[in-house]
């Protein structure tokens, strides 16, 4: 009896000590991860401060002419921070980028477009330029507001254009098998419905997710994508660093 009781007590204490060690290991791992992120945040913050003050020489010279069109994707919950969005646009335009696309999934920025446009002199909507090839010739600031619904509706309208073209060609009445549309035909259909749009050279994502959040995929085939973190934590220095990194990328093929 004593041996069985001692065995049960030993198993009990082994389980208890094992649970304590497991919890300590779990908290230790979390503490290490937290310290790593905290350290990275401090380093990025210091780097951003040095860049903003102009103390890092290499960031003083940006080949900003390489960025003809910039897209900024903002997570919908943070798109309500209109003051932050305006501040970000002021930074971007101060750096010499005048052609910008603003995107959020739910179209919150589109509802504030009049308020945002009023904050900038000589700012016009991209849609008012009429032709995409006129974009680069515009001396003023152009803003495009896009949401997920725009892309969804564009695909539906483009599909309808292709269908009508297919029917008019007479192919629908013949037994030619499944019709395959090429990428160029789809691009032409999107342009026909007014949803082609220029392809951004660089796309900056502000939000927790490291994805384009539904930005029209046919417009980012050759676009460089960079995640910038939450909009509320945006920093001028990190913006300059992102633009600098893009301008230093060697492009081996064109559009």
C-alpha atoms as a PDB file:
ATOM      1  CA  UNK A   1       0.000   0.000   0.000  1.00  0.00           C
ATOM      2  CA  UNK A   2       2.778   2.416   0.928  1.00  0.00           C
ATOM      3  CA  UNK A   3       4.581   1.735  -2.319  1.00  0.00           C
ATOM      4  CA  UNK A   4       1.421   2.344  -4.405  1.00  0.00           C
ATOM      5  CA  UNK A   5       0.698   5.537  -2.481  1.00  0.00           C
ATOM      6  CA  UNK A   6       4.253   6.798  -2.955  1.00  0.00           C
ATOM      7  CA  UNK A   7       4.020   5.997  -6.662  1.00  0.00           C
ATOM      8  CA  UNK A   8       0.803   8.022  -6.995  1.00  0.00           C
ATOM      9  CA  UNK A   9       2.381  10.926  -5.108  1.00  0.00           C
ATOM     10  CA  UNK A  10       5.445  10.785  -7.335  1.00  0.00           C
ATOM     11  CA  UNK A  11       3.296  10.843 -10.488  1.00  0.00           C
ATOM     12  CA  UNK A  12       1.282  13.729  -9.032  1.00  0.00           C
ATOM     13  CA  UNK A  13       4.378  15.849  -8.373  1.00  0.00           C
ATOM     14  CA  UNK A  14       5.928  14.969 -11.722  1.00  0.00           C
ATOM     15  CA  UNK A  15       2.737  16.153 -13.498  1.00  0.00           C
ATOM     16  CA  UNK A  16       2.623  19.307 -11.381  1.00  0.00           C
ATOM     17  CA  UNK A  17       6.286  20.159 -11.995  1.00  0.00           C
ATOM     18  CA  UNK A  18       5.848  19.359 -15.707  1.00  0.00           C
ATOM     19  CA  UNK A  19       2.864  21.756 -15.944  1.00  0.00           C
ATOM     20  CA  UNK A  20       4.807  24.494 -14.181  1.00  0.00           C
ATOM     21  CA  UNK A  21       7.801  24.034 -16.489  1.00  0.00           C
ATOM     22  CA  UNK A  22       5.507  24.037 -19.536  1.00  0.00           C
ATOM     23  CA  UNK A  23       3.852  27.297 -18.436  1.00  0.00           C
ATOM     24  CA  UNK A  24       7.221  28.879 -17.707  1.00  0.00           C
ATOM     25  CA  UNK A  25       8.498  27.825 -21.131  1.00  0.00           C
ATOM     26  CA  UNK A  26       5.343  29.229 -22.770  1.00  0.00           C
ATOM     27  CA  UNK A  27       5.711  32.587 -21.006  1.00  0.00           C
ATOM     28  CA  UNK A  28       9.429  32.647 -21.759  1.00  0.00           C
ATOM     29  CA  UNK A  29       8.799  32.161 -25.485  1.00  0.00           C
ATOM     30  CA  UNK A  30       6.186  34.946 -25.437  1.00  0.00           C
ATOM     31  CA  UNK A  31       8.568  37.220 -23.549  1.00  0.00           C
ATOM     32  CA  UNK A  32      11.340  36.573 -26.075  1.00  0.00           C
ATOM     33  CA  UNK A  33       9.001  37.278 -29.018  1.00  0.00           C
ATOM     34  CA  UNK A  34       7.717  40.442 -27.315  1.00  0.00           C
ATOM     35  CA  UNK A  35      11.280  41.644 -26.669  1.00  0.00           C
ATOM     36  CA  UNK A  36      12.231  40.946 -30.284  1.00  0.00           C
ATOM     37  CA  UNK A  37       9.295  42.964 -31.619  1.00  0.00           C
ATOM     38  CA  UNK A  38       9.899  45.699 -29.051  1.00  0.00           C
ATOM     39  CA  UNK A  39      13.558  45.896 -30.052  1.00  0.00           C
ATOM     40  CA  UNK A  40      12.657  45.963 -33.748  1.00  0.00           C
ATOM     41  CA  UNK A  41      10.140  48.729 -33.061  1.00  0.00           C
ATOM     42  CA  UNK A  42      12.777  50.759 -31.234  1.00  0.00           C
ATOM     43  CA  UNK A  43      15.275  50.259 -34.062  1.00  0.00           C
ATOM     44  CA  UNK A  44      12.714  51.222 -36.729  1.00  0.00           C
ATOM     45  CA  UNK A  45      11.653  54.228 -34.657  1.00  0.00           C
ATOM     46  CA  UNK A  46      15.245  55.397 -34.267  1.00  0.00           C
ATOM     47  CA  UNK A  47      15.949  54.810 -37.947  1.00  0.00           C
ATOM     48  CA  UNK A  48      12.817  56.751 -38.903  1.00  0.00           C
ATOM     49  CA  UNK A  49      13.875  59.633 -36.647  1.00  0.00           C
ATOM     50  CA  UNK A  50      17.358  59.729 -38.185  1.00  0.00           C
ATOM     51  CA  UNK A  51      15.926  59.676 -41.713  1.00  0.00           C
ATOM     52  CA  UNK A  52      13.438  62.436 -40.867  1.00  0.00           C
ATOM     53  CA  UNK A  53      16.266  64.572 -39.492  1.00  0.00           C
ATOM     54  CA  UNK A  54      18.341  63.951 -42.602  1.00  0.00           C
ATOM     55  CA  UNK A  55      21.141  62.304 -40.644  1.00  0.00           C
ATOM     56  CA  UNK A  56      21.321  59.212 -42.874  1.00  0.00           C
ATOM     57  CA  UNK A  57      22.958  60.498 -46.006  1.00  0.00           C
ATOM     58  CA  UNK A  58      21.854  57.792 -48.450  1.00  0.00           C
ATOM     59  CA  UNK A  59      18.158  58.603 -47.961  1.00  0.00           C
ATOM     60  CA  UNK A  60      18.626  62.226 -49.002  1.00  0.00           C
ATOM     61  CA  UNK A  61      18.691  61.382 -52.685  1.00  0.00           C
ATOM     62  CA  UNK A  62      15.568  59.666 -53.985  1.00  0.00           C
ATOM     63  CA  UNK A  63      15.124  58.871 -57.672  1.00  0.00           C
ATOM     64  CA  UNK A  64      11.467  59.721 -57.245  1.00  0.00           C
ATOM     65  CA  UNK A  65      10.979  59.927 -61.031  1.00  0.00           C
ATOM     66  CA  UNK A  66      10.887  56.103 -61.042  1.00  0.00           C
ATOM     67  CA  UNK A  67       7.515  56.232 -59.263  1.00  0.00           C
ATOM     68  CA  UNK A  68       4.997  57.555 -61.772  1.00  0.00           C
ATOM     69  CA  UNK A  69       1.965  56.138 -60.011  1.00  0.00           C
ATOM     70  CA  UNK A  70       1.677  55.174 -56.348  1.00  0.00           C
ATOM     71  CA  UNK A  71      -1.096  53.094 -54.790  1.00  0.00           C
ATOM     72  CA  UNK A  72      -1.853  53.237 -51.073  1.00  0.00           C
ATOM     73  CA  UNK A  73      -3.980  50.441 -49.606  1.00  0.00           C
ATOM     74  CA  UNK A  74      -5.469  51.161 -46.186  1.00  0.00           C
ATOM     75  CA  UNK A  75      -7.313  48.669 -43.989  1.00  0.00           C
ATOM     76  CA  UNK A  76     -10.958  49.760 -43.720  1.00  0.00           C
ATOM     77  CA  UNK A  77     -10.985  50.234 -39.939  1.00  0.00           C
ATOM     78  CA  UNK A  78      -8.054  52.624 -40.233  1.00  0.00           C
ATOM     79  CA  UNK A  79      -9.429  54.373 -43.325  1.00  0.00           C
ATOM     80  CA  UNK A  80     -11.665  56.319 -40.930  1.00  0.00           C
ATOM     81  CA  UNK A  81      -8.545  58.149 -39.703  1.00  0.00           C
ATOM     82  CA  UNK A  82      -8.956  60.905 -42.283  1.00  0.00           C
ATOM     83  CA  UNK A  83      -6.398  63.185 -40.625  1.00  0.00           C
ATOM     84  CA  UNK A  84      -3.766  60.444 -40.883  1.00  0.00           C
ATOM     85  CA  UNK A  85      -4.646  59.845 -44.536  1.00  0.00           C
ATOM     86  CA  UNK A  86      -4.293  63.561 -45.318  1.00  0.00           C
ATOM     87  CA  UNK A  87      -0.973  63.701 -43.463  1.00  0.00           C
ATOM     88  CA  UNK A  88       0.280  60.700 -45.437  1.00  0.00           C
ATOM     89  CA  UNK A  89      -0.750  62.318 -48.727  1.00  0.00           C
ATOM     90  CA  UNK A  90       1.012  65.528 -47.732  1.00  0.00           C
ATOM     91  CA  UNK A  91       4.215  63.578 -47.101  1.00  0.00           C
ATOM     92  CA  UNK A  92       3.916  61.769 -50.428  1.00  0.00           C
ATOM     93  CA  UNK A  93       3.285  64.927 -52.452  1.00  0.00           C
ATOM     94  CA  UNK A  94       6.089  66.757 -50.629  1.00  0.00           C
ATOM     95  CA  UNK A  95       8.420  64.019 -51.862  1.00  0.00           C
ATOM     96  CA  UNK A  96       7.348  64.696 -55.445  1.00  0.00           C
ATOM     97  CA  UNK A  97       4.720  62.037 -56.172  1.00  0.00           C
ATOM     98  CA  UNK A  98       1.564  63.594 -57.613  1.00  0.00           C
ATOM     99  CA  UNK A  99      -0.366  60.637 -59.032  1.00  0.00           C
ATOM    100  CA  UNK A 100      -1.851  58.505 -56.257  1.00  0.00           C
ATOM    101  CA  UNK A 101      -4.504  55.811 -55.923  1.00  0.00           C
ATOM    102  CA  UNK A 102      -6.221  55.375 -52.547  1.00  0.00           C
ATOM    103  CA  UNK A 103      -7.892  52.036 -51.839  1.00  0.00           C
ATOM    104  CA  UNK A 104      -9.830  50.533 -48.973  1.00  0.00           C
ATOM    105  CA  UNK A 105     -12.058  47.495 -49.094  1.00  0.00           C
ATOM    106  CA  UNK A 106     -15.325  49.089 -47.972  1.00  0.00           C
ATOM    107  CA  UNK A 107     -15.074  52.395 -49.857  1.00  0.00           C
ATOM    108  CA  UNK A 108     -14.741  54.600 -46.772  1.00  0.00           C
ATOM    109  CA  UNK A 109     -12.146  56.808 -48.461  1.00  0.00           C
ATOM    110  CA  UNK A 110     -14.465  57.373 -51.422  1.00  0.00           C
ATOM    111  CA  UNK A 111     -17.035  58.867 -49.066  1.00  0.00           C
ATOM    112  CA  UNK A 112     -14.432  61.357 -47.836  1.00  0.00           C
ATOM    113  CA  UNK A 113     -12.971  62.202 -51.243  1.00  0.00           C
ATOM    114  CA  UNK A 114     -14.438  65.723 -51.398  1.00  0.00           C
ATOM    115  CA  UNK A 115     -13.038  66.548 -47.970  1.00  0.00           C
ATOM    116  CA  UNK A 116      -9.625  65.136 -48.917  1.00  0.00           C
ATOM    117  CA  UNK A 117      -9.512  66.954 -52.262  1.00  0.00           C
ATOM    118  CA  UNK A 118     -10.282  70.278 -50.543  1.00  0.00           C
ATOM    119  CA  UNK A 119      -7.093  69.910 -48.496  1.00  0.00           C
ATOM    120  CA  UNK A 120      -4.883  70.078 -51.586  1.00  0.00           C
ATOM    121  CA  UNK A 121      -4.489  72.882 -54.100  1.00  0.00           C
ATOM    122  CA  UNK A 122      -4.934  71.906 -57.753  1.00  0.00           C
ATOM    123  CA  UNK A 123      -5.922  68.362 -56.831  1.00  0.00           C
ATOM    124  CA  UNK A 124      -8.303  66.620 -59.214  1.00  0.00           C
ATOM    125  CA  UNK A 125      -9.869  63.193 -59.518  1.00  0.00           C
ATOM    126  CA  UNK A 126      -8.127  60.699 -61.768  1.00  0.00           C
ATOM    127  CA  UNK A 127     -11.443  60.119 -63.551  1.00  0.00           C
ATOM    128  CA  UNK A 128     -11.395  63.766 -64.677  1.00  0.00           C
ATOM    129  CA  UNK A 129      -8.230  63.178 -66.712  1.00  0.00           C
ATOM    130  CA  UNK A 130     -10.373  61.059 -69.061  1.00  0.00           C
ATOM    131  CA  UNK A 131      -7.511  59.231 -70.715  1.00  0.00           C
ATOM    132  CA  UNK A 132      -4.918  57.119 -68.924  1.00  0.00           C
ATOM    133  CA  UNK A 133      -2.157  58.271 -71.252  1.00  0.00           C
ATOM    134  CA  UNK A 134      -2.799  61.867 -70.149  1.00  0.00           C
ATOM    135  CA  UNK A 135      -1.984  60.992 -66.568  1.00  0.00           C
ATOM    136  CA  UNK A 136       1.751  61.545 -66.683  1.00  0.00           C
ATOM    137  CA  UNK A 137       1.304  64.887 -68.467  1.00  0.00           C
ATOM    138  CA  UNK A 138      -0.850  66.320 -65.683  1.00  0.00           C
ATOM    139  CA  UNK A 139       1.139  68.941 -63.700  1.00  0.00           C
ATOM    140  CA  UNK A 140      -1.383  68.870 -60.859  1.00  0.00           C
ATOM    141  CA  UNK A 141      -2.071  66.228 -58.254  1.00  0.00           C
ATOM    142  CA  UNK A 142      -4.419  63.428 -59.321  1.00  0.00           C
ATOM    143  CA  UNK A 143      -6.204  61.180 -56.851  1.00  0.00           C
ATOM    144  CA  UNK A 144      -8.035  57.954 -57.623  1.00  0.00           C
ATOM    145  CA  UNK A 145     -10.395  56.403 -55.067  1.00  0.00           C
ATOM    146  CA  UNK A 146     -10.997  52.668 -55.424  1.00  0.00           C
ATOM    147  CA  UNK A 147     -12.842  50.069 -53.352  1.00  0.00           C
ATOM    148  CA  UNK A 148     -13.527  46.348 -53.586  1.00  0.00           C
ATOM    149  CA  UNK A 149     -16.943  46.916 -55.180  1.00  0.00           C
ATOM    150  CA  UNK A 150     -15.300  48.762 -58.087  1.00  0.00           C
ATOM    151  CA  UNK A 151     -13.208  45.734 -58.956  1.00  0.00           C
ATOM    152  CA  UNK A 152     -16.138  43.346 -58.556  1.00  0.00           C
ATOM    153  CA  UNK A 153     -18.400  45.427 -60.791  1.00  0.00           C
ATOM    154  CA  UNK A 154     -15.610  45.948 -63.315  1.00  0.00           C
ATOM    155  CA  UNK A 155     -15.088  42.204 -63.737  1.00  0.00           C
ATOM    156  CA  UNK A 156     -18.841  41.677 -64.219  1.00  0.00           C
ATOM    157  CA  UNK A 157     -19.089  44.444 -66.845  1.00  0.00           C
ATOM    158  CA  UNK A 158     -15.945  43.256 -68.612  1.00  0.00           C
ATOM    159  CA  UNK A 159     -17.296  39.697 -68.712  1.00  0.00           C
ATOM    160  CA  UNK A 160     -20.498  41.031 -70.268  1.00  0.00           C
ATOM    161  CA  UNK A 161     -18.484  42.875 -72.932  1.00  0.00           C
ATOM    162  CA  UNK A 162     -16.606  39.681 -73.795  1.00  0.00           C
ATOM    163  CA  UNK A 163     -19.864  37.732 -73.916  1.00  0.00           C
ATOM    164  CA  UNK A 164     -21.456  40.196 -76.330  1.00  0.00           C
ATOM    165  CA  UNK A 165     -18.321  40.123 -78.482  1.00  0.00           C
ATOM    166  CA  UNK A 166     -18.433  36.320 -78.470  1.00  0.00           C
ATOM    167  CA  UNK A 167     -22.101  36.262 -79.474  1.00  0.00           C
ATOM    168  CA  UNK A 168     -21.636  38.834 -82.252  1.00  0.00           C
ATOM    169  CA  UNK A 169     -18.755  36.829 -83.696  1.00  0.00           C
ATOM    170  CA  UNK A 170     -21.192  33.951 -84.338  1.00  0.00           C
ATOM    171  CA  UNK A 171     -19.056  31.499 -82.394  1.00  0.00           C
ATOM    172  CA  UNK A 172     -21.851  30.784 -79.939  1.00  0.00           C
ATOM    173  CA  UNK A 173     -23.874  28.917 -82.558  1.00  0.00           C
ATOM    174  CA  UNK A 174     -21.055  26.683 -83.701  1.00  0.00           C
ATOM    175  CA  UNK A 175     -19.528  23.684 -82.009  1.00  0.00           C
ATOM    176  CA  UNK A 176     -16.077  25.066 -81.373  1.00  0.00           C
ATOM    177  CA  UNK A 177     -15.766  23.830 -77.807  1.00  0.00           C
ATOM    178  CA  UNK A 178     -14.927  26.002 -74.856  1.00  0.00           C
ATOM    179  CA  UNK A 179     -14.033  29.611 -75.646  1.00  0.00           C
ATOM    180  CA  UNK A 180     -10.786  30.817 -74.104  1.00  0.00           C
ATOM    181  CA  UNK A 181     -10.181  34.543 -73.683  1.00  0.00           C
ATOM    182  CA  UNK A 182      -6.637  35.837 -73.585  1.00  0.00           C
ATOM    183  CA  UNK A 183      -5.186  38.272 -71.058  1.00  0.00           C
ATOM    184  CA  UNK A 184      -5.010  41.021 -73.681  1.00  0.00           C
ATOM    185  CA  UNK A 185      -8.704  40.561 -74.510  1.00  0.00           C
ATOM    186  CA  UNK A 186      -9.606  40.812 -70.824  1.00  0.00           C
ATOM    187  CA  UNK A 187      -7.463  43.926 -70.420  1.00  0.00           C
ATOM    188  CA  UNK A 188      -9.123  45.500 -73.436  1.00  0.00           C
ATOM    189  CA  UNK A 189     -12.571  44.687 -72.033  1.00  0.00           C
ATOM    190  CA  UNK A 190     -11.649  46.295 -68.694  1.00  0.00           C
ATOM    191  CA  UNK A 191     -10.484  49.419 -70.503  1.00  0.00           C
ATOM    192  CA  UNK A 192     -13.725  49.447 -72.473  1.00  0.00           C
ATOM    193  CA  UNK A 193     -15.788  49.623 -69.278  1.00  0.00           C
ATOM    194  CA  UNK A 194     -13.454  52.293 -67.885  1.00  0.00           C
ATOM    195  CA  UNK A 195     -11.825  50.122 -65.220  1.00  0.00           C
ATOM    196  CA  UNK A 196      -8.437  49.418 -66.698  1.00  0.00           C
ATOM    197  CA  UNK A 197      -6.530  52.138 -64.933  1.00  0.00           C
ATOM    198  CA  UNK A 198      -2.762  52.531 -64.777  1.00  0.00           C
ATOM    199  CA  UNK A 199      -0.675  49.916 -63.023  1.00  0.00           C
ATOM    200  CA  UNK A 200       0.976  51.370 -59.896  1.00  0.00           C
ATOM    201  CA  UNK A 201       4.741  51.180 -59.751  1.00  0.00           C
ATOM    202  CA  UNK A 202       4.600  50.758 -55.985  1.00  0.00           C
ATOM    203  CA  UNK A 203       1.817  49.695 -53.622  1.00  0.00           C
ATOM    204  CA  UNK A 204       2.062  50.559 -49.924  1.00  0.00           C
ATOM    205  CA  UNK A 205      -0.142  48.628 -47.488  1.00  0.00           C
ATOM    206  CA  UNK A 206      -1.164  50.243 -44.210  1.00  0.00           C
ATOM    207  CA  UNK A 207      -2.848  47.787 -41.870  1.00  0.00           C
ATOM    208  CA  UNK A 208      -2.229  44.546 -39.964  1.00  0.00           C
ATOM    209  CA  UNK A 209      -2.670  42.242 -42.977  1.00  0.00           C
ATOM    210  CA  UNK A 210       0.242  41.554 -45.310  1.00  0.00           C
ATOM    211  CA  UNK A 211      -1.867  41.358 -48.477  1.00  0.00           C
ATOM    212  CA  UNK A 212      -3.354  43.755 -51.025  1.00  0.00           C
ATOM    213  CA  UNK A 213      -6.825  43.523 -49.355  1.00  0.00           C
ATOM    214  CA  UNK A 214      -8.696  43.093 -52.629  1.00  0.00           C
ATOM    215  CA  UNK A 215      -6.976  45.744 -54.745  1.00  0.00           C
ATOM    216  CA  UNK A 216      -7.768  44.925 -58.421  1.00  0.00           C
ATOM    217  CA  UNK A 217      -5.371  42.118 -59.267  1.00  0.00           C
ATOM    218  CA  UNK A 218      -5.154  42.982 -62.986  1.00  0.00           C
ATOM    219  CA  UNK A 219      -3.574  46.313 -62.047  1.00  0.00           C
ATOM    220  CA  UNK A 220      -0.685  44.956 -59.965  1.00  0.00           C
ATOM    221  CA  UNK A 221       0.925  42.427 -62.302  1.00  0.00           C
ATOM    222  CA  UNK A 222       4.324  44.124 -62.091  1.00  0.00           C
ATOM    223  CA  UNK A 223       3.759  46.232 -58.985  1.00  0.00           C
ATOM    224  CA  UNK A 224       6.186  46.219 -56.071  1.00  0.00           C
ATOM    225  CA  UNK A 225       4.276  45.676 -52.785  1.00  0.00           C
ATOM    226  CA  UNK A 226       5.523  46.814 -49.373  1.00  0.00           C
ATOM    227  CA  UNK A 227       3.813  46.417 -46.005  1.00  0.00           C
ATOM    228  CA  UNK A 228       4.041  49.556 -43.852  1.00  0.00           C
ATOM    229  CA  UNK A 229       2.307  48.504 -40.626  1.00  0.00           C
ATOM    230  CA  UNK A 230      -0.694  50.226 -38.989  1.00  0.00           C
ATOM    231  CA  UNK A 231      -1.700  53.658 -40.273  1.00  0.00           C
ATOM    232  CA  UNK A 232      -1.837  55.052 -36.734  1.00  0.00           C
ATOM    233  CA  UNK A 233       1.872  54.226 -36.374  1.00  0.00           C
ATOM    234  CA  UNK A 234       2.951  55.675 -39.716  1.00  0.00           C
ATOM    235  CA  UNK A 235       6.267  57.519 -39.767  1.00  0.00           C
ATOM    236  CA  UNK A 236       7.737  59.848 -42.344  1.00  0.00           C
ATOM    237  CA  UNK A 237      11.141  58.204 -42.133  1.00  0.00           C
ATOM    238  CA  UNK A 238       9.727  54.741 -42.857  1.00  0.00           C
ATOM    239  CA  UNK A 239       7.860  56.144 -45.868  1.00  0.00           C
ATOM    240  CA  UNK A 240      11.103  57.604 -47.219  1.00  0.00           C
ATOM    241  CA  UNK A 241      12.836  54.270 -46.594  1.00  0.00           C
ATOM    242  CA  UNK A 242      10.133  52.365 -48.502  1.00  0.00           C
ATOM    243  CA  UNK A 243      10.398  54.730 -51.476  1.00  0.00           C
ATOM    244  CA  UNK A 244      14.180  54.525 -51.370  1.00  0.00           C
ATOM    245  CA  UNK A 245      14.114  50.715 -51.351  1.00  0.00           C
ATOM    246  CA  UNK A 246      11.868  50.726 -54.419  1.00  0.00           C
ATOM    247  CA  UNK A 247      14.014  53.196 -56.357  1.00  0.00           C
ATOM    248  CA  UNK A 248      17.087  51.047 -55.671  1.00  0.00           C
ATOM    249  CA  UNK A 249      15.471  47.866 -57.052  1.00  0.00           C
ATOM    250  CA  UNK A 250      16.922  46.729 -60.365  1.00  0.00           C
ATOM    251  CA  UNK A 251      14.143  46.026 -62.855  1.00  0.00           C
ATOM    252  CA  UNK A 252      15.079  43.326 -65.326  1.00  0.00           C
ATOM    253  CA  UNK A 253      11.909  43.598 -67.380  1.00  0.00           C
ATOM    254  CA  UNK A 254       9.395  46.276 -68.240  1.00  0.00           C
ATOM    255  CA  UNK A 255       5.669  46.440 -68.560  1.00  0.00           C
END
